[in-house]
Amino acid sequence: MASQEELNQKVRKASEVQAKYANDLMRKPNVVGVAVGHPVHNGVSSPDVGVIVMVDHKVPPGQLAANDLIPKQLDGVPVDVQETGGFSAQ
């Protein structure tokens, strides 16, 4: 289990990566948000910390242009694409 300081370091690193790449990620099709959080694998939240890319709906990689694919990691930080649907203000 990671110490609190290790967790804080991971959150800081993921936050730096989020800030660095958010604009580029937001330009990709279907992306509605970018955050720092716990990646989800097979429906289970990971204890790791990563960049979460929220999309209104997932598209199979084969249906996207190469430059529209979201990488599995950025600067060593894991990236997880999560389908959230669209966001709107009420």
PDB file of N, CA and C in Angstrom:
ATOM      1  N   MET A   1       0.837  -1.182   0.000  1.00  0.00           N
ATOM      2  CA  MET A   1       0.000   0.000   0.000  1.00  0.00           C
ATOM      3  C   MET A   1       0.879   1.241   0.000  1.00  0.00           C
ATOM      4  N   ALA A   2       0.521   2.222  -0.794  1.00  0.00           N
ATOM      5  CA  ALA A   2       1.318   3.434  -0.924  1.00  0.00           C
ATOM      6  C   ALA A   2       1.145   4.324   0.300  1.00  0.00           C
ATOM      7  N   SER A   3       2.221   4.995   0.665  1.00  0.00           N
ATOM      8  CA  SER A   3       2.130   5.953   1.763  1.00  0.00           C
ATOM      9  C   SER A   3       1.391   7.199   1.278  1.00  0.00           C
ATOM     10  N   GLN A   4       0.975   8.020   2.221  1.00  0.00           N
ATOM     11  CA  GLN A   4       0.274   9.250   1.866  1.00  0.00           C
ATOM     12  C   GLN A   4       1.171  10.139   1.003  1.00  0.00           C
ATOM     13  N   GLU A   5       2.445  10.187   1.300  1.00  0.00           N
ATOM     14  CA  GLU A   5       3.363  11.026   0.505  1.00  0.00           C
ATOM     15  C   GLU A   5       3.485  10.500  -0.920  1.00  0.00           C
ATOM     16  N   GLU A   6       3.544   9.171  -1.085  1.00  0.00           N
ATOM     17  CA  GLU A   6       3.593   8.586  -2.431  1.00  0.00           C
ATOM     18  C   GLU A   6       2.322   8.896  -3.205  1.00  0.00           C
ATOM     19  N   LEU A   7       1.185   8.798  -2.532  1.00  0.00           N
ATOM     20  CA  LEU A   7      -0.085   9.128  -3.172  1.00  0.00           C
ATOM     21  C   LEU A   7      -0.119  10.600  -3.570  1.00  0.00           C
ATOM     22  N   ASN A   8       0.343  11.472  -2.681  1.00  0.00           N
ATOM     23  CA  ASN A   8       0.389  12.906  -2.990  1.00  0.00           C
ATOM     24  C   ASN A   8       1.272  13.185  -4.201  1.00  0.00           C
ATOM     25  N   GLN A   9       2.401  12.493  -4.302  1.00  0.00           N
ATOM     26  CA  GLN A   9       3.298  12.666  -5.442  1.00  0.00           C
ATOM     27  C   GLN A   9       2.623  12.227  -6.737  1.00  0.00           C
ATOM     28  N   LYS A  10       1.896  11.117  -6.684  1.00  0.00           N
ATOM     29  CA  LYS A  10       1.196  10.639  -7.877  1.00  0.00           C
ATOM     30  C   LYS A  10       0.112  11.624  -8.301  1.00  0.00           C
ATOM     31  N   VAL A  11      -0.597  12.182  -7.340  1.00  0.00           N
ATOM     32  CA  VAL A  11      -1.640  13.163  -7.652  1.00  0.00           C
ATOM     33  C   VAL A  11      -1.006  14.417  -8.254  1.00  0.00           C
ATOM     34  N   ARG A  12       0.093  14.883  -7.685  1.00  0.00           N
ATOM     35  CA  ARG A  12       0.786  16.066  -8.239  1.00  0.00           C
ATOM     36  C   ARG A  12       1.239  15.820  -9.675  1.00  0.00           C
ATOM     37  N   LYS A  13       1.858  14.662  -9.918  1.00  0.00           N
ATOM     38  CA  LYS A  13       2.332  14.329 -11.261  1.00  0.00           C
ATOM     39  C   LYS A  13       1.163  14.247 -12.240  1.00  0.00           C
ATOM     40  N   ALA A  14       0.090  13.560 -11.847  1.00  0.00           N
ATOM     41  CA  ALA A  14      -1.079  13.448 -12.720  1.00  0.00           C
ATOM     42  C   ALA A  14      -1.693  14.823 -12.983  1.00  0.00           C
ATOM     43  N   SER A  15      -1.708  15.689 -11.990  1.00  0.00           N
ATOM     44  CA  SER A  15      -2.239  17.049 -12.167  1.00  0.00           C
ATOM     45  C   SER A  15      -1.395  17.850 -13.142  1.00  0.00           C
ATOM     46  N   GLU A  16      -0.081  17.699 -13.062  1.00  0.00           N
ATOM     47  CA  GLU A  16       0.819  18.380 -14.006  1.00  0.00           C
ATOM     48  C   GLU A  16       0.567  17.887 -15.429  1.00  0.00           C
ATOM     49  N   VAL A  17       0.415  16.573 -15.593  1.00  0.00           N
ATOM     50  CA  VAL A  17       0.171  15.996 -16.915  1.00  0.00           C
ATOM     51  C   VAL A  17      -1.192  16.441 -17.432  1.00  0.00           C
ATOM     52  N   GLN A  18      -2.188  16.462 -16.573  1.00  0.00           N
ATOM     53  CA  GLN A  18      -3.514  16.928 -16.975  1.00  0.00           C
ATOM     54  C   GLN A  18      -3.430  18.367 -17.495  1.00  0.00           C
ATOM     55  N   ALA A  19      -2.770  19.229 -16.750  1.00  0.00           N
ATOM     56  CA  ALA A  19      -2.649  20.628 -17.164  1.00  0.00           C
ATOM     57  C   ALA A  19      -1.896  20.757 -18.492  1.00  0.00           C
ATOM     58  N   LYS A  20      -0.870  19.949 -18.670  1.00  0.00           N
ATOM     59  CA  LYS A  20      -0.048  20.007 -19.879  1.00  0.00           C
ATOM     60  C   LYS A  20      -0.818  19.559 -21.122  1.00  0.00           C
ATOM     61  N   TYR A  21      -1.659  18.524 -21.000  1.00  0.00           N
ATOM     62  CA  TYR A  21      -2.287  17.915 -22.175  1.00  0.00           C
ATOM     63  C   TYR A  21      -3.788  18.169 -22.311  1.00  0.00           C
ATOM     64  N   ALA A  22      -4.417  18.831 -21.358  1.00  0.00           N
ATOM     65  CA  ALA A  22      -5.881  18.988 -21.375  1.00  0.00           C
ATOM     66  C   ALA A  22      -6.383  19.627 -22.663  1.00  0.00           C
ATOM     67  N   ASN A  23      -5.763  20.697 -23.110  1.00  0.00           N
ATOM     68  CA  ASN A  23      -6.243  21.363 -24.328  1.00  0.00           C
ATOM     69  C   ASN A  23      -6.179  20.439 -25.538  1.00  0.00           C
ATOM     70  N   ASP A  24      -5.088  19.694 -25.679  1.00  0.00           N
ATOM     71  CA  ASP A  24      -4.959  18.764 -26.803  1.00  0.00           C
ATOM     72  C   ASP A  24      -6.004  17.655 -26.716  1.00  0.00           C
ATOM     73  N   LEU A  25      -6.212  17.119 -25.510  1.00  0.00           N
ATOM     74  CA  LEU A  25      -7.190  16.050 -25.348  1.00  0.00           C
ATOM     75  C   LEU A  25      -8.607  16.537 -25.616  1.00  0.00           C
ATOM     76  N   MET A  26      -8.917  17.760 -25.190  1.00  0.00           N
ATOM     77  CA  MET A  26     -10.271  18.300 -25.376  1.00  0.00           C
ATOM     78  C   MET A  26     -10.609  18.528 -26.848  1.00  0.00           C
ATOM     79  N   ARG A  27      -9.608  18.603 -27.701  1.00  0.00           N
ATOM     80  CA  ARG A  27      -9.841  18.779 -29.140  1.00  0.00           C
ATOM     81  C   ARG A  27     -10.204  17.473 -29.848  1.00  0.00           C
ATOM     82  N   LYS A  28     -10.029  16.364 -29.163  1.00  0.00           N
ATOM     83  CA  LYS A  28     -10.300  15.066 -29.788  1.00  0.00           C
ATOM     84  C   LYS A  28     -11.802  14.794 -29.814  1.00  0.00           C
ATOM     85  N   PRO A  29     -12.258  14.027 -30.815  1.00  0.00           N
ATOM     86  CA  PRO A  29     -13.689  13.729 -30.935  1.00  0.00           C
ATOM     87  C   PRO A  29     -14.250  13.068 -29.671  1.00  0.00           C
ATOM     88  N   ASN A  30     -15.452  13.486 -29.295  1.00  0.00           N
ATOM     89  CA  ASN A  30     -16.226  12.901 -28.198  1.00  0.00           C
ATOM     90  C   ASN A  30     -15.714  13.224 -26.806  1.00  0.00           C
ATOM     91  N   VAL A  31     -14.571  13.919 -26.660  1.00  0.00           N
ATOM     92  CA  VAL A  31     -14.046  14.238 -25.332  1.00  0.00           C
ATOM     93  C   VAL A  31     -14.854  15.392 -24.743  1.00  0.00           C
ATOM     94  N   VAL A  32     -15.338  15.174 -23.511  1.00  0.00           N
ATOM     95  CA  VAL A  32     -16.139  16.200 -22.838  1.00  0.00           C
ATOM     96  C   VAL A  32     -15.484  16.697 -21.551  1.00  0.00           C
ATOM     97  N   GLY A  33     -14.390  16.074 -21.135  1.00  0.00           N
ATOM     98  CA  GLY A  33     -13.706  16.522 -19.929  1.00  0.00           C
ATOM     99  C   GLY A  33     -12.430  15.750 -19.674  1.00  0.00           C
ATOM    100  N   VAL A  34     -11.563  16.348 -18.852  1.00  0.00           N
ATOM    101  CA  VAL A  34     -10.296  15.725 -18.458  1.00  0.00           C
ATOM    102  C   VAL A  34     -10.122  15.972 -16.966  1.00  0.00           C
ATOM    103  N   ALA A  35      -9.765  14.935 -16.218  1.00  0.00           N
ATOM    104  CA  ALA A  35      -9.643  15.051 -14.768  1.00  0.00           C
ATOM    105  C   ALA A  35      -8.523  14.151 -14.260  1.00  0.00           C
ATOM    106  N   VAL A  36      -8.247  14.260 -12.981  1.00  0.00           N
ATOM    107  CA  VAL A  36      -7.326  13.360 -12.297  1.00  0.00           C
ATOM    108  C   VAL A  36      -8.178  12.441 -11.438  1.00  0.00           C
ATOM    109  N   GLY A  37      -7.878  11.153 -11.485  1.00  0.00           N
ATOM    110  CA  GLY A  37      -8.655  10.207 -10.683  1.00  0.00           C
ATOM    111  C   GLY A  37      -8.078   8.818 -10.748  1.00  0.00           C
ATOM    112  N   HIS A  38      -8.885   7.853 -10.369  1.00  0.00           N
ATOM    113  CA  HIS A  38      -8.462   6.459 -10.363  1.00  0.00           C
ATOM    114  C   HIS A  38      -8.935   5.781 -11.647  1.00  0.00           C
ATOM    115  N   PRO A  39      -8.004   5.241 -12.422  1.00  0.00           N
ATOM    116  CA  PRO A  39      -8.401   4.484 -13.607  1.00  0.00           C
ATOM    117  C   PRO A  39      -9.286   3.297 -13.213  1.00  0.00           C
ATOM    118  N   VAL A  40     -10.153   2.901 -14.120  1.00  0.00           N
ATOM    119  CA  VAL A  40     -11.040   1.761 -13.898  1.00  0.00           C
ATOM    120  C   VAL A  40     -10.649   0.671 -14.889  1.00  0.00           C
ATOM    121  N   HIS A  41     -10.444  -0.548 -14.375  1.00  0.00           N
ATOM    122  CA  HIS A  41     -10.101  -1.696 -15.215  1.00  0.00           C
ATOM    123  C   HIS A  41     -11.131  -2.789 -14.974  1.00  0.00           C
ATOM    124  N   ASN A  42     -11.808  -3.210 -16.026  1.00  0.00           N
ATOM    125  CA  ASN A  42     -12.837  -4.254 -15.922  1.00  0.00           C
ATOM    126  C   ASN A  42     -13.877  -3.907 -14.857  1.00  0.00           C
ATOM    127  N   GLY A  43     -14.250  -2.642 -14.790  1.00  0.00           N
ATOM    128  CA  GLY A  43     -15.283  -2.208 -13.857  1.00  0.00           C
ATOM    129  C   GLY A  43     -14.826  -1.998 -12.432  1.00  0.00           C
ATOM    130  N   VAL A  44     -13.534  -2.159 -12.168  1.00  0.00           N
ATOM    131  CA  VAL A  44     -13.003  -2.006 -10.814  1.00  0.00           C
ATOM    132  C   VAL A  44     -12.042  -0.816 -10.778  1.00  0.00           C
ATOM    133  N   SER A  45     -12.271   0.081  -9.829  1.00  0.00           N
ATOM    134  CA  SER A  45     -11.399   1.251  -9.671  1.00  0.00           C
ATOM    135  C   SER A  45     -10.025   0.815  -9.181  1.00  0.00           C
ATOM    136  N   SER A  46      -8.994   1.313  -9.847  1.00  0.00           N
ATOM    137  CA  SER A  46      -7.611   0.992  -9.502  1.00  0.00           C
ATOM    138  C   SER A  46      -7.143   1.906  -8.368  1.00  0.00           C
ATOM    139  N   PRO A  47      -6.231   1.434  -7.533  1.00  0.00           N
ATOM    140  CA  PRO A  47      -5.663   2.319  -6.512  1.00  0.00           C
ATOM    141  C   PRO A  47      -4.667   3.316  -7.109  1.00  0.00           C
ATOM    142  N   ASP A  48      -4.305   3.120  -8.373  1.00  0.00           N
ATOM    143  CA  ASP A  48      -3.360   4.019  -9.032  1.00  0.00           C
ATOM    144  C   ASP A  48      -4.030   5.370  -9.286  1.00  0.00           C
ATOM    145  N   VAL A  49      -3.241   6.359  -9.616  1.00  0.00           N
ATOM    146  CA  VAL A  49      -3.747   7.692  -9.941  1.00  0.00           C
ATOM    147  C   VAL A  49      -3.370   7.981 -11.382  1.00  0.00           C
ATOM    148  N   GLY A  50      -4.307   8.500 -12.148  1.00  0.00           N
ATOM    149  CA  GLY A  50      -4.030   8.794 -13.544  1.00  0.00           C
ATOM    150  C   GLY A  50      -4.860   9.948 -14.051  1.00  0.00           C
ATOM    151  N   VAL A  51      -4.740  10.171 -15.349  1.00  0.00           N
ATOM    152  CA  VAL A  51      -5.543  11.174 -16.038  1.00  0.00           C
ATOM    153  C   VAL A  51      -6.765  10.456 -16.591  1.00  0.00           C
ATOM    154  N   ILE A  52      -7.919  10.985 -16.282  1.00  0.00           N
ATOM    155  CA  ILE A  52      -9.181  10.417 -16.759  1.00  0.00           C
ATOM    156  C   ILE A  52      -9.687  11.294 -17.891  1.00  0.00           C
ATOM    157  N   VAL A  53      -9.900  10.683 -19.046  1.00  0.00           N
ATOM    158  CA  VAL A  53     -10.452  11.394 -20.199  1.00  0.00           C
ATOM    159  C   VAL A  53     -11.901  10.935 -20.329  1.00  0.00           C
ATOM    160  N   MET A  54     -12.816  11.879 -20.142  1.00  0.00           N
ATOM    161  CA  MET A  54     -14.243  11.575 -20.196  1.00  0.00           C
ATOM    162  C   MET A  54     -14.758  11.817 -21.606  1.00  0.00           C
ATOM    163  N   VAL A  55     -15.477  10.826 -22.136  1.00  0.00           N
ATOM    164  CA  VAL A  55     -16.041  10.940 -23.482  1.00  0.00           C
ATOM    165  C   VAL A  55     -17.551  10.742 -23.408  1.00  0.00           C
ATOM    166  N   ASP A  56     -18.264  11.368 -24.349  1.00  0.00           N
ATOM    167  CA  ASP A  56     -19.716  11.187 -24.335  1.00  0.00           C
ATOM    168  C   ASP A  56     -20.081   9.766 -24.741  1.00  0.00           C
ATOM    169  N   HIS A  57     -19.300   9.160 -25.622  1.00  0.00           N
ATOM    170  CA  HIS A  57     -19.450   7.738 -25.940  1.00  0.00           C
ATOM    171  C   HIS A  57     -18.133   7.222 -26.497  1.00  0.00           C
ATOM    172  N   LYS A  58     -17.851   5.962 -26.190  1.00  0.00           N
ATOM    173  CA  LYS A  58     -16.614   5.344 -26.680  1.00  0.00           C
ATOM    174  C   LYS A  58     -16.796   4.907 -28.123  1.00  0.00           C
ATOM    175  N   VAL A  59     -15.704   5.004 -28.865  1.00  0.00           N
ATOM    176  CA  VAL A  59     -15.663   4.607 -30.265  1.00  0.00           C
ATOM    177  C   VAL A  59     -14.537   3.586 -30.410  1.00  0.00           C
ATOM    178  N   PRO A  60     -14.754   2.484 -31.111  1.00  0.00           N
ATOM    179  CA  PRO A  60     -13.672   1.518 -31.313  1.00  0.00           C
ATOM    180  C   PRO A  60     -12.456   2.202 -31.958  1.00  0.00           C
ATOM    181  N   PRO A  61     -11.248   1.869 -31.492  1.00  0.00           N
ATOM    182  CA  PRO A  61     -10.043   2.515 -32.032  1.00  0.00           C
ATOM    183  C   PRO A  61      -9.942   2.458 -33.552  1.00  0.00           C
ATOM    184  N   GLY A  62     -10.408   1.379 -34.154  1.00  0.00           N
ATOM    185  CA  GLY A  62     -10.342   1.240 -35.603  1.00  0.00           C
ATOM    186  C   GLY A  62     -11.191   2.250 -36.357  1.00  0.00           C
ATOM    187  N   GLN A  63     -12.111   2.903 -35.664  1.00  0.00           N
ATOM    188  CA  GLN A  63     -12.975   3.891 -36.296  1.00  0.00           C
ATOM    189  C   GLN A  63     -12.475   5.326 -36.101  1.00  0.00           C
ATOM    190  N   LEU A  64     -11.301   5.460 -35.489  1.00  0.00           N
ATOM    191  CA  LEU A  64     -10.718   6.783 -35.251  1.00  0.00           C
ATOM    192  C   LEU A  64      -9.463   6.962 -36.077  1.00  0.00           C
ATOM    193  N   ALA A  65      -9.215   8.187 -36.488  1.00  0.00           N
ATOM    194  CA  ALA A  65      -7.944   8.512 -37.151  1.00  0.00           C
ATOM    195  C   ALA A  65      -6.830   8.366 -36.119  1.00  0.00           C
ATOM    196  N   ALA A  66      -5.638   8.054 -36.565  1.00  0.00           N
ATOM    197  CA  ALA A  66      -4.500   7.833 -35.659  1.00  0.00           C
ATOM    198  C   ALA A  66      -4.289   9.016 -34.712  1.00  0.00           C
ATOM    199  N   ASN A  67      -4.443  10.243 -35.218  1.00  0.00           N
ATOM    200  CA  ASN A  67      -4.204  11.415 -34.365  1.00  0.00           C
ATOM    201  C   ASN A  67      -5.369  11.695 -33.406  1.00  0.00           C
ATOM    202  N   ASP A  68      -6.480  10.947 -33.521  1.00  0.00           N
ATOM    203  CA  ASP A  68      -7.611  11.103 -32.609  1.00  0.00           C
ATOM    204  C   ASP A  68      -7.604  10.067 -31.487  1.00  0.00           C
ATOM    205  N   LEU A  69      -6.686   9.102 -31.563  1.00  0.00           N
ATOM    206  CA  LEU A  69      -6.587   8.092 -30.508  1.00  0.00           C
ATOM    207  C   LEU A  69      -6.058   8.731 -29.227  1.00  0.00           C
ATOM    208  N   ILE A  70      -6.555   8.282 -28.094  1.00  0.00           N
ATOM    209  CA  ILE A  70      -6.090   8.766 -26.802  1.00  0.00           C
ATOM    210  C   ILE A  70      -5.052   7.773 -26.293  1.00  0.00           C
ATOM    211  N   PRO A  71      -3.847   8.262 -25.955  1.00  0.00           N
ATOM    212  CA  PRO A  71      -2.782   7.347 -25.536  1.00  0.00           C
ATOM    213  C   PRO A  71      -3.089   6.661 -24.210  1.00  0.00           C
ATOM    214  N   LYS A  72      -2.476   5.506 -23.988  1.00  0.00           N
ATOM    215  CA  LYS A  72      -2.648   4.743 -22.751  1.00  0.00           C
ATOM    216  C   LYS A  72      -1.918   5.396 -21.580  1.00  0.00           C
ATOM    217  N   GLN A  73      -0.912   6.209 -21.898  1.00  0.00           N
ATOM    218  CA  GLN A  73      -0.200   6.955 -20.867  1.00  0.00           C
ATOM    219  C   GLN A  73       0.394   8.219 -21.457  1.00  0.00           C
ATOM    220  N   LEU A  74       0.599   9.197 -20.604  1.00  0.00           N
ATOM    221  CA  LEU A  74       1.235  10.458 -20.989  1.00  0.00           C
ATOM    222  C   LEU A  74       2.306  10.771 -19.957  1.00  0.00           C
ATOM    223  N   ASP A  75       3.526  10.947 -20.403  1.00  0.00           N
ATOM    224  CA  ASP A  75       4.652  11.245 -19.514  1.00  0.00           C
ATOM    225  C   ASP A  75       4.720  10.260 -18.341  1.00  0.00           C
ATOM    226  N   GLY A  76       4.428   8.987 -18.613  1.00  0.00           N
ATOM    227  CA  GLY A  76       4.512   7.953 -17.586  1.00  0.00           C
ATOM    228  C   GLY A  76       3.289   7.843 -16.685  1.00  0.00           C
ATOM    229  N   VAL A  77       2.280   8.678 -16.898  1.00  0.00           N
ATOM    230  CA  VAL A  77       1.061   8.645 -16.089  1.00  0.00           C
ATOM    231  C   VAL A  77      -0.012   7.880 -16.865  1.00  0.00           C
ATOM    232  N   PRO A  78      -0.681   6.909 -16.219  1.00  0.00           N
ATOM    233  CA  PRO A  78      -1.722   6.167 -16.940  1.00  0.00           C
ATOM    234  C   PRO A  78      -2.889   7.073 -17.338  1.00  0.00           C
ATOM    235  N   VAL A  79      -3.473   6.761 -18.490  1.00  0.00           N
ATOM    236  CA  VAL A  79      -4.630   7.499 -19.002  1.00  0.00           C
ATOM    237  C   VAL A  79      -5.772   6.498 -19.160  1.00  0.00           C
ATOM    238  N   ASP A  80      -6.934   6.860 -18.656  1.00  0.00           N
ATOM    239  CA  ASP A  80      -8.097   5.994 -18.761  1.00  0.00           C
ATOM    240  C   ASP A  80      -9.217   6.769 -19.441  1.00  0.00           C
ATOM    241  N   VAL A  81      -9.818   6.170 -20.459  1.00  0.00           N
ATOM    242  CA  VAL A  81     -10.960   6.771 -21.146  1.00  0.00           C
ATOM    243  C   VAL A  81     -12.219   6.211 -20.506  1.00  0.00           C
ATOM    244  N   GLN A  82     -13.064   7.102 -20.001  1.00  0.00           N
ATOM    245  CA  GLN A  82     -14.296   6.686 -19.345  1.00  0.00           C
ATOM    246  C   GLN A  82     -15.489   7.329 -20.041  1.00  0.00           C
ATOM    247  N   GLU A  83     -16.469   6.508 -20.373  1.00  0.00           N
ATOM    248  CA  GLU A  83     -17.677   6.999 -21.017  1.00  0.00           C
ATOM    249  C   GLU A  83     -18.598   7.598 -19.952  1.00  0.00           C
ATOM    250  N   THR A  84     -18.898   8.883 -20.104  1.00  0.00           N
ATOM    251  CA  THR A  84     -19.720   9.577 -19.117  1.00  0.00           C
ATOM    252  C   THR A  84     -21.014  10.119 -19.695  1.00  0.00           C
ATOM    253  N   GLY A  85     -21.123  10.124 -21.019  1.00  0.00           N
ATOM    254  CA  GLY A  85     -22.240  10.826 -21.638  1.00  0.00           C
ATOM    255  C   GLY A  85     -21.885  12.302 -21.709  1.00  0.00           C
ATOM    256  N   GLY A  86     -22.792  13.094 -22.217  1.00  0.00           N
ATOM    257  CA  GLY A  86     -22.542  14.529 -22.311  1.00  0.00           C
ATOM    258  C   GLY A  86     -22.848  15.219 -20.993  1.00  0.00           C
ATOM    259  N   PHE A  87     -22.351  16.421 -20.843  1.00  0.00           N
ATOM    260  CA  PHE A  87     -22.609  17.247 -19.663  1.00  0.00           C
ATOM    261  C   PHE A  87     -23.407  18.447 -20.099  1.00  0.00           C
ATOM    262  N   SER A  88     -24.324  18.887 -19.251  1.00  0.00           N
ATOM    263  CA  SER A  88     -25.053  20.121 -19.536  1.00  0.00           C
ATOM    264  C   SER A  88     -25.460  20.777 -18.235  1.00  0.00           C
ATOM    265  N   ALA A  89     -25.613  22.089 -18.278  1.00  0.00           N
ATOM    266  CA  ALA A  89     -26.065  22.834 -17.113  1.00  0.00           C
ATOM    267  C   ALA A  89     -27.580  22.791 -17.065  1.00  0.00           C
ATOM    268  N   GLN A  90     -28.121  22.693 -15.906  1.00  0.00           N
ATOM    269  CA  GLN A  90     -29.590  22.650 -15.742  1.00  0.00           C
ATOM    270  C   GLN A  90     -30.125  24.032 -15.456  1.00  0.00           C
TER     271      GLN A  90
END
